[in-house]
Amino acid sequence: MTPEQLAYLEMYKEHAQQARQHETQRERMTGAVVAMGVALVAFVSTNLKEPTPALLLPAVLVIILGCYGTVFSRKHYERNRLHTDIMGTFRDALENSLMNAPLGQIRAGAESTHNNKFQRLRRWRLHLFWDGLNAFVALAGVILVGVLAWALLKCGV
């Protein structure tokens, strides 16, 4: 390989590593958001027999946590896409510098085979599942606030 081709390959590897890092950070943060959300919901739920207005704070925190997690997830998706776009550019440059290398054809063939095997699932975007987990935490917070408000009204507080 020429020095130019090696540089393309190294830049491709660097951006692949960065893209993976953003996915890892998104996965870990989503896990933390879900865990903290579950803990707050459990705390409020166990105290619903004797509700107080003070329980509104952790219930609202669940909503804020879920919204934050959703925005965080979207940002990491955006950064991941940046690095994968840059990777594609370096891959194309490497392919062009190798002259007759059929890298694009190999990839297109593999994608076609994959798409035929997973015709329905391939349309589902994975990032929407990550966003959905965080949004579900926010929704759980909204429901929790509603249940808590109902319990407070019922007790006359």
N, C-alpha and C. Protein backbone atom coordinates (compact mmCIF):
# COMPACT_ATOMS: atom_id res chain seq x y z
N MET A 1 0.84 -1.19 0.00
CA MET A 1 0.00 0.00 0.00
C MET A 1 0.88 1.24 0.00
N THR A 2 0.39 2.25 -0.65
CA THR A 2 1.12 3.51 -0.68
C THR A 2 0.89 4.26 0.62
N PRO A 3 1.73 5.26 0.93
CA PRO A 3 1.51 6.06 2.13
C PRO A 3 0.13 6.73 2.13
N GLU A 4 -0.31 7.15 0.96
CA GLU A 4 -1.63 7.78 0.85
C GLU A 4 -2.73 6.78 1.21
N GLN A 5 -2.63 5.56 0.71
CA GLN A 5 -3.63 4.53 1.02
C GLN A 5 -3.61 4.16 2.50
N LEU A 6 -2.42 4.08 3.07
CA LEU A 6 -2.31 3.80 4.50
C LEU A 6 -2.96 4.91 5.33
N ALA A 7 -2.78 6.14 4.89
CA ALA A 7 -3.39 7.27 5.59
C ALA A 7 -4.91 7.17 5.51
N TYR A 8 -5.44 6.84 4.34
CA TYR A 8 -6.89 6.66 4.19
C TYR A 8 -7.39 5.57 5.14
N LEU A 9 -6.66 4.46 5.17
CA LEU A 9 -7.06 3.33 6.00
C LEU A 9 -7.02 3.70 7.48
N GLU A 10 -5.98 4.39 7.90
CA GLU A 10 -5.87 4.80 9.31
C GLU A 10 -6.97 5.78 9.69
N MET A 11 -7.29 6.71 8.81
CA MET A 11 -8.37 7.65 9.09
C MET A 11 -9.72 6.92 9.15
N TYR A 12 -9.89 5.95 8.28
CA TYR A 12 -11.11 5.14 8.31
C TYR A 12 -11.23 4.43 9.67
N LYS A 13 -10.13 3.81 10.11
CA LYS A 13 -10.13 3.10 11.39
C LYS A 13 -10.41 4.05 12.56
N GLU A 14 -9.82 5.23 12.51
CA GLU A 14 -10.03 6.22 13.58
C GLU A 14 -11.50 6.61 13.69
N HIS A 15 -12.12 6.87 12.58
CA HIS A 15 -13.53 7.28 12.62
C HIS A 15 -14.45 6.10 12.94
N ALA A 16 -14.06 4.89 12.59
CA ALA A 16 -14.83 3.71 13.00
C ALA A 16 -14.80 3.58 14.52
N GLN A 17 -13.63 3.81 15.10
CA GLN A 17 -13.50 3.75 16.55
C GLN A 17 -14.34 4.84 17.22
N GLN A 18 -14.32 6.05 16.66
CA GLN A 18 -15.12 7.14 17.23
C GLN A 18 -16.61 6.83 17.12
N ALA A 19 -17.04 6.28 16.00
CA ALA A 19 -18.46 5.93 15.82
C ALA A 19 -18.88 4.89 16.86
N ARG A 20 -18.04 3.88 17.08
CA ARG A 20 -18.34 2.86 18.09
C ARG A 20 -18.40 3.48 19.49
N GLN A 21 -17.52 4.42 19.75
CA GLN A 21 -17.49 5.07 21.07
C GLN A 21 -18.81 5.80 21.33
N HIS A 22 -19.35 6.48 20.34
CA HIS A 22 -20.62 7.18 20.53
C HIS A 22 -21.76 6.19 20.77
N GLU A 23 -21.73 5.05 20.10
CA GLU A 23 -22.76 4.03 20.35
C GLU A 23 -22.64 3.47 21.76
N THR A 24 -21.41 3.27 22.22
CA THR A 24 -21.19 2.76 23.57
C THR A 24 -21.67 3.77 24.61
N GLN A 25 -21.36 5.04 24.40
CA GLN A 25 -21.81 6.07 25.34
C GLN A 25 -23.33 6.16 25.37
N ARG A 26 -23.95 6.04 24.21
CA ARG A 26 -25.41 6.10 24.16
C ARG A 26 -26.01 4.91 24.91
N GLU A 27 -25.45 3.74 24.70
CA GLU A 27 -25.96 2.54 25.37
C GLU A 27 -25.82 2.66 26.89
N ARG A 28 -24.68 3.13 27.34
CA ARG A 28 -24.46 3.25 28.78
C ARG A 28 -25.36 4.31 29.41
N MET A 29 -25.52 5.44 28.73
CA MET A 29 -26.36 6.49 29.29
C MET A 29 -27.82 6.05 29.31
N THR A 30 -28.26 5.37 28.28
CA THR A 30 -29.64 4.89 28.27
C THR A 30 -29.86 3.91 29.41
N GLY A 31 -28.91 3.02 29.65
CA GLY A 31 -29.02 2.11 30.78
C GLY A 31 -29.09 2.85 32.11
N ALA A 32 -28.28 3.88 32.26
CA ALA A 32 -28.29 4.67 33.49
C ALA A 32 -29.62 5.42 33.65
N VAL A 33 -30.12 5.99 32.57
CA VAL A 33 -31.39 6.72 32.63
C VAL A 33 -32.53 5.78 33.03
N VAL A 34 -32.56 4.60 32.42
CA VAL A 34 -33.61 3.63 32.75
C VAL A 34 -33.48 3.19 34.20
N ALA A 35 -32.27 2.91 34.66
CA ALA A 35 -32.07 2.47 36.04
C ALA A 35 -32.49 3.56 37.03
N MET A 36 -32.06 4.80 36.79
CA MET A 36 -32.44 5.89 37.69
C MET A 36 -33.94 6.14 37.64
N GLY A 37 -34.52 6.05 36.45
CA GLY A 37 -35.97 6.23 36.31
C GLY A 37 -36.73 5.18 37.09
N VAL A 38 -36.31 3.93 36.98
CA VAL A 38 -36.96 2.84 37.71
C VAL A 38 -36.84 3.06 39.22
N ALA A 39 -35.66 3.48 39.67
CA ALA A 39 -35.46 3.73 41.10
C ALA A 39 -36.38 4.85 41.60
N LEU A 40 -36.50 5.92 40.85
CA LEU A 40 -37.37 7.02 41.26
C LEU A 40 -38.85 6.62 41.23
N VAL A 41 -39.24 5.87 40.20
CA VAL A 41 -40.63 5.39 40.14
C VAL A 41 -40.91 4.48 41.33
N ALA A 42 -39.99 3.60 41.66
CA ALA A 42 -40.17 2.70 42.80
C ALA A 42 -40.28 3.48 44.10
N PHE A 43 -39.44 4.51 44.24
CA PHE A 43 -39.49 5.33 45.45
C PHE A 43 -40.84 6.01 45.60
N VAL A 44 -41.32 6.63 44.54
CA VAL A 44 -42.61 7.32 44.61
C VAL A 44 -43.73 6.31 44.82
N SER A 45 -43.67 5.20 44.09
CA SER A 45 -44.75 4.20 44.17
C SER A 45 -44.89 3.61 45.56
N THR A 46 -43.78 3.39 46.23
CA THR A 46 -43.86 2.81 47.57
C THR A 46 -44.42 3.79 48.59
N ASN A 47 -44.44 5.06 48.26
CA ASN A 47 -44.96 6.07 49.19
C ASN A 47 -46.34 6.59 48.78
N LEU A 48 -46.99 5.95 47.84
CA LEU A 48 -48.30 6.42 47.38
C LEU A 48 -49.42 6.18 48.39
N LYS A 49 -49.21 5.28 49.36
CA LYS A 49 -50.25 5.04 50.36
C LYS A 49 -50.46 6.26 51.24
N GLU A 50 -49.40 7.00 51.45
CA GLU A 50 -49.47 8.25 52.22
C GLU A 50 -48.81 9.35 51.39
N PRO A 51 -49.48 9.79 50.32
CA PRO A 51 -48.86 10.75 49.40
C PRO A 51 -48.69 12.14 50.02
N THR A 52 -47.57 12.77 49.64
CA THR A 52 -47.32 14.15 50.04
C THR A 52 -46.89 14.92 48.80
N PRO A 53 -47.09 16.24 48.82
CA PRO A 53 -46.64 17.03 47.66
C PRO A 53 -45.14 16.91 47.40
N ALA A 54 -44.37 16.55 48.42
CA ALA A 54 -42.92 16.40 48.24
C ALA A 54 -42.59 15.29 47.25
N LEU A 55 -43.50 14.34 47.06
CA LEU A 55 -43.26 13.26 46.11
C LEU A 55 -43.33 13.73 44.66
N LEU A 56 -43.86 14.93 44.46
CA LEU A 56 -43.91 15.47 43.10
C LEU A 56 -42.50 15.71 42.54
N LEU A 57 -41.56 16.08 43.39
CA LEU A 57 -40.20 16.35 42.92
C LEU A 57 -39.57 15.12 42.26
N PRO A 58 -39.50 13.96 42.92
CA PRO A 58 -38.91 12.81 42.23
C PRO A 58 -39.73 12.38 41.01
N ALA A 59 -41.04 12.57 41.05
CA ALA A 59 -41.87 12.21 39.90
C ALA A 59 -41.54 13.10 38.70
N VAL A 60 -41.38 14.39 38.95
CA VAL A 60 -41.02 15.31 37.87
C VAL A 60 -39.59 15.03 37.40
N LEU A 61 -38.72 14.63 38.31
CA LEU A 61 -37.35 14.28 37.93
C LEU A 61 -37.33 13.11 36.93
N VAL A 62 -38.28 12.21 37.03
CA VAL A 62 -38.36 11.10 36.08
C VAL A 62 -38.62 11.65 34.68
N ILE A 63 -39.51 12.62 34.58
CA ILE A 63 -39.80 13.25 33.28
C ILE A 63 -38.55 13.94 32.73
N ILE A 64 -37.90 14.72 33.58
CA ILE A 64 -36.70 15.45 33.15
C ILE A 64 -35.61 14.46 32.73
N LEU A 65 -35.44 13.41 33.50
CA LEU A 65 -34.44 12.39 33.20
C LEU A 65 -34.70 11.75 31.85
N GLY A 66 -35.94 11.38 31.59
CA GLY A 66 -36.29 10.77 30.31
C GLY A 66 -36.08 11.71 29.14
N CYS A 67 -36.44 12.98 29.32
CA CYS A 67 -36.23 13.97 28.25
C CYS A 67 -34.74 14.18 27.99
N TYR A 68 -33.97 14.29 29.07
CA TYR A 68 -32.52 14.45 28.93
C TYR A 68 -31.92 13.25 28.20
N GLY A 69 -32.33 12.06 28.60
CA GLY A 69 -31.82 10.85 27.96
C GLY A 69 -32.14 10.81 26.47
N THR A 70 -33.33 11.25 26.11
CA THR A 70 -33.71 11.27 24.69
C THR A 70 -32.83 12.23 23.91
N VAL A 71 -32.61 13.43 24.43
CA VAL A 71 -31.76 14.41 23.75
C VAL A 71 -30.32 13.89 23.68
N PHE A 72 -29.83 13.31 24.76
CA PHE A 72 -28.48 12.75 24.80
C PHE A 72 -28.33 11.66 23.74
N SER A 73 -29.32 10.80 23.64
CA SER A 73 -29.29 9.72 22.66
C SER A 73 -29.27 10.26 21.24
N ARG A 74 -30.08 11.27 20.99
CA ARG A 74 -30.13 11.87 19.65
C ARG A 74 -28.78 12.51 19.29
N LYS A 75 -28.16 13.18 20.25
CA LYS A 75 -26.88 13.81 20.00
C LYS A 75 -25.81 12.78 19.66
N HIS A 76 -25.79 11.68 20.39
CA HIS A 76 -24.81 10.64 20.08
C HIS A 76 -25.10 9.97 18.75
N TYR A 77 -26.37 9.86 18.38
CA TYR A 77 -26.70 9.34 17.06
C TYR A 77 -26.14 10.28 15.99
N GLU A 78 -26.32 11.57 16.19
CA GLU A 78 -25.80 12.56 15.22
C GLU A 78 -24.29 12.45 15.10
N ARG A 79 -23.58 12.32 16.22
CA ARG A 79 -22.12 12.22 16.19
C ARG A 79 -21.68 10.90 15.52
N ASN A 80 -22.41 9.84 15.81
CA ASN A 80 -22.11 8.56 15.16
C ASN A 80 -22.26 8.69 13.65
N ARG A 81 -23.32 9.33 13.21
CA ARG A 81 -23.55 9.48 11.78
C ARG A 81 -22.46 10.35 11.14
N LEU A 82 -21.98 11.35 11.85
CA LEU A 82 -20.87 12.17 11.34
C LEU A 82 -19.66 11.27 11.04
N HIS A 83 -19.30 10.45 12.02
CA HIS A 83 -18.12 9.60 11.84
C HIS A 83 -18.33 8.54 10.76
N THR A 84 -19.54 8.00 10.66
CA THR A 84 -19.77 7.00 9.60
C THR A 84 -19.78 7.66 8.22
N ASP A 85 -20.24 8.89 8.13
CA ASP A 85 -20.16 9.60 6.85
C ASP A 85 -18.71 9.86 6.45
N ILE A 86 -17.90 10.26 7.41
CA ILE A 86 -16.48 10.49 7.14
C ILE A 86 -15.81 9.16 6.77
N MET A 87 -16.17 8.09 7.47
CA MET A 87 -15.63 6.77 7.13
C MET A 87 -15.94 6.41 5.68
N GLY A 88 -17.16 6.68 5.26
CA GLY A 88 -17.55 6.39 3.88
C GLY A 88 -16.71 7.15 2.87
N THR A 89 -16.41 8.39 3.20
CA THR A 89 -15.58 9.21 2.31
C THR A 89 -14.17 8.62 2.20
N PHE A 90 -13.58 8.23 3.33
CA PHE A 90 -12.25 7.62 3.29
C PHE A 90 -12.28 6.26 2.60
N ARG A 91 -13.34 5.49 2.81
CA ARG A 91 -13.46 4.19 2.13
C ARG A 91 -13.52 4.39 0.62
N ASP A 92 -14.31 5.39 0.18
CA ASP A 92 -14.39 5.67 -1.26
C ASP A 92 -13.05 6.12 -1.81
N ALA A 93 -12.33 6.97 -1.05
CA ALA A 93 -11.02 7.45 -1.50
C ALA A 93 -10.04 6.28 -1.61
N LEU A 94 -10.09 5.37 -0.62
CA LEU A 94 -9.22 4.20 -0.66
C LEU A 94 -9.56 3.33 -1.87
N GLU A 95 -10.84 3.11 -2.08
CA GLU A 95 -11.26 2.30 -3.23
C GLU A 95 -10.79 2.94 -4.54
N ASN A 96 -10.96 4.24 -4.67
CA ASN A 96 -10.52 4.93 -5.89
C ASN A 96 -9.01 4.84 -6.08
N SER A 97 -8.27 4.88 -4.98
CA SER A 97 -6.81 4.83 -5.09
C SER A 97 -6.31 3.42 -5.42
N LEU A 98 -7.12 2.42 -5.13
CA LEU A 98 -6.73 1.04 -5.42
C LEU A 98 -7.06 0.65 -6.85
N MET A 99 -7.66 1.56 -7.58
CA MET A 99 -8.01 1.39 -8.99
C MET A 99 -9.06 0.30 -9.17
N ASN A 100 -8.75 -0.86 -9.56
CA ASN A 100 -9.75 -1.85 -9.95
C ASN A 100 -10.33 -2.65 -8.79
N ALA A 101 -10.14 -2.19 -7.58
CA ALA A 101 -10.69 -2.93 -6.43
C ALA A 101 -12.21 -2.77 -6.40
N PRO A 102 -12.94 -3.88 -6.36
CA PRO A 102 -14.41 -3.80 -6.40
C PRO A 102 -15.04 -3.67 -5.01
N LEU A 103 -14.48 -2.81 -4.15
CA LEU A 103 -15.00 -2.69 -2.78
C LEU A 103 -16.47 -2.28 -2.77
N GLY A 104 -16.83 -1.33 -3.62
CA GLY A 104 -18.22 -0.88 -3.69
C GLY A 104 -19.15 -1.99 -4.13
N GLN A 105 -18.71 -2.78 -5.09
CA GLN A 105 -19.53 -3.89 -5.57
C GLN A 105 -19.69 -4.96 -4.50
N ILE A 106 -18.63 -5.23 -3.79
CA ILE A 106 -18.68 -6.23 -2.71
C ILE A 106 -19.68 -5.78 -1.64
N ARG A 107 -19.57 -4.52 -1.26
CA ARG A 107 -20.48 -3.99 -0.24
C ARG A 107 -21.91 -4.00 -0.73
N ALA A 108 -22.14 -3.55 -1.96
CA ALA A 108 -23.50 -3.52 -2.51
C ALA A 108 -24.11 -4.91 -2.56
N GLY A 109 -23.31 -5.90 -2.93
CA GLY A 109 -23.79 -7.28 -2.97
C GLY A 109 -24.16 -7.79 -1.58
N ALA A 110 -23.32 -7.49 -0.60
CA ALA A 110 -23.60 -7.92 0.77
C ALA A 110 -24.84 -7.23 1.32
N GLU A 111 -24.99 -5.93 1.04
CA GLU A 111 -26.18 -5.20 1.48
C GLU A 111 -27.44 -5.76 0.83
N SER A 112 -27.36 -6.09 -0.45
CA SER A 112 -28.50 -6.65 -1.16
C SER A 112 -28.92 -7.99 -0.55
N THR A 113 -27.95 -8.84 -0.26
CA THR A 113 -28.24 -10.13 0.37
C THR A 113 -28.89 -9.93 1.73
N HIS A 114 -28.31 -9.04 2.51
CA HIS A 114 -28.85 -8.74 3.84
C HIS A 114 -30.27 -8.19 3.74
N ASN A 115 -30.48 -7.23 2.85
CA ASN A 115 -31.80 -6.61 2.71
C ASN A 115 -32.86 -7.63 2.28
N ASN A 116 -32.47 -8.59 1.47
CA ASN A 116 -33.41 -9.64 1.07
C ASN A 116 -33.77 -10.55 2.23
N LYS A 117 -32.81 -10.81 3.12
CA LYS A 117 -33.07 -11.67 4.28
C LYS A 117 -33.95 -10.98 5.32
N PHE A 118 -33.78 -9.67 5.45
CA PHE A 118 -34.46 -8.93 6.52
C PHE A 118 -35.30 -7.79 5.94
N GLN A 119 -36.23 -8.13 5.07
CA GLN A 119 -36.98 -7.11 4.36
C GLN A 119 -37.77 -6.19 5.29
N ARG A 120 -38.34 -6.72 6.34
CA ARG A 120 -39.13 -5.88 7.26
C ARG A 120 -38.26 -5.22 8.31
N LEU A 121 -37.40 -6.02 8.94
CA LEU A 121 -36.59 -5.48 10.04
C LEU A 121 -35.62 -4.39 9.59
N ARG A 122 -35.13 -4.46 8.38
CA ARG A 122 -34.13 -3.48 7.94
C ARG A 122 -34.69 -2.07 7.88
N ARG A 123 -36.00 -1.94 7.81
CA ARG A 123 -36.63 -0.60 7.77
C ARG A 123 -36.69 0.05 9.15
N TRP A 124 -36.60 -0.75 10.18
CA TRP A 124 -36.66 -0.22 11.55
C TRP A 124 -35.30 0.37 11.90
N ARG A 125 -35.29 1.59 12.31
CA ARG A 125 -34.05 2.27 12.65
C ARG A 125 -33.71 2.04 14.13
N LEU A 126 -32.53 1.51 14.38
CA LEU A 126 -32.12 1.15 15.73
C LEU A 126 -32.11 2.35 16.67
N HIS A 127 -31.73 3.50 16.17
CA HIS A 127 -31.66 4.66 17.04
C HIS A 127 -33.03 5.02 17.61
N LEU A 128 -34.10 4.66 16.91
CA LEU A 128 -35.44 4.94 17.43
C LEU A 128 -35.76 4.06 18.64
N PHE A 129 -35.18 2.87 18.70
CA PHE A 129 -35.37 2.03 19.88
C PHE A 129 -34.68 2.66 21.10
N TRP A 130 -33.45 3.15 20.89
CA TRP A 130 -32.74 3.82 21.99
C TRP A 130 -33.50 5.06 22.44
N ASP A 131 -33.95 5.86 21.48
CA ASP A 131 -34.73 7.05 21.82
C ASP A 131 -36.02 6.66 22.54
N GLY A 132 -36.63 5.57 22.07
CA GLY A 132 -37.89 5.12 22.66
C GLY A 132 -37.75 4.71 24.11
N LEU A 133 -36.64 4.06 24.46
CA LEU A 133 -36.42 3.70 25.87
C LEU A 133 -36.38 4.94 26.75
N ASN A 134 -35.67 5.95 26.30
CA ASN A 134 -35.59 7.19 27.07
C ASN A 134 -36.93 7.90 27.12
N ALA A 135 -37.63 7.93 25.99
CA ALA A 135 -38.95 8.57 25.95
C ALA A 135 -39.94 7.82 26.85
N PHE A 136 -39.79 6.50 26.92
CA PHE A 136 -40.65 5.72 27.80
C PHE A 136 -40.44 6.12 29.26
N VAL A 137 -39.21 6.41 29.64
CA VAL A 137 -38.93 6.87 31.00
C VAL A 137 -39.67 8.18 31.26
N ALA A 138 -39.61 9.10 30.28
CA ALA A 138 -40.33 10.37 30.43
C ALA A 138 -41.83 10.13 30.53
N LEU A 139 -42.36 9.24 29.72
CA LEU A 139 -43.79 8.92 29.76
C LEU A 139 -44.17 8.31 31.10
N ALA A 140 -43.31 7.44 31.63
CA ALA A 140 -43.57 6.87 32.95
C ALA A 140 -43.64 7.97 34.00
N GLY A 141 -42.79 8.99 33.84
CA GLY A 141 -42.83 10.13 34.77
C GLY A 141 -44.13 10.90 34.66
N VAL A 142 -44.61 11.10 33.45
CA VAL A 142 -45.89 11.81 33.26
C VAL A 142 -47.02 11.01 33.91
N ILE A 143 -47.04 9.72 33.68
CA ILE A 143 -48.08 8.87 34.29
C ILE A 143 -47.96 8.92 35.81
N LEU A 144 -46.73 8.87 36.32
CA LEU A 144 -46.51 8.90 37.76
C LEU A 144 -47.00 10.21 38.37
N VAL A 145 -46.73 11.32 37.70
CA VAL A 145 -47.22 12.61 38.19
C VAL A 145 -48.75 12.61 38.22
N GLY A 146 -49.37 12.06 37.17
CA GLY A 146 -50.83 11.98 37.14
C GLY A 146 -51.39 11.13 38.26
N VAL A 147 -50.80 9.98 38.48
CA VAL A 147 -51.26 9.09 39.57
C VAL A 147 -51.05 9.77 40.92
N LEU A 148 -49.93 10.42 41.08
CA LEU A 148 -49.64 11.11 42.34
C LEU A 148 -50.60 12.26 42.56
N ALA A 149 -50.88 13.03 41.52
CA ALA A 149 -51.84 14.14 41.65
C ALA A 149 -53.22 13.61 42.02
N TRP A 150 -53.63 12.51 41.40
CA TRP A 150 -54.91 11.90 41.73
C TRP A 150 -54.94 11.45 43.19
N ALA A 151 -53.84 10.82 43.64
CA ALA A 151 -53.76 10.34 45.02
C ALA A 151 -53.79 11.52 46.00
N LEU A 152 -53.14 12.61 45.66
CA LEU A 152 -53.14 13.79 46.52
C LEU A 152 -54.55 14.40 46.61
N LEU A 153 -55.23 14.48 45.48
CA LEU A 153 -56.60 15.00 45.47
C LEU A 153 -57.54 14.11 46.26
N LYS A 154 -57.36 12.81 46.12
CA LYS A 154 -58.20 11.85 46.83
C LYS A 154 -58.04 11.98 48.35
N CYS A 155 -56.81 12.26 48.78
CA CYS A 155 -56.53 12.41 50.22
C CYS A 155 -56.85 13.82 50.72
N GLY A 156 -57.16 14.72 49.80
CA GLY A 156 -57.47 16.09 50.19
C GLY A 156 -56.24 16.92 50.53
N VAL A 157 -55.10 16.52 50.06
CA VAL A 157 -53.86 17.26 50.34
C VAL A 157 -53.69 18.38 49.35
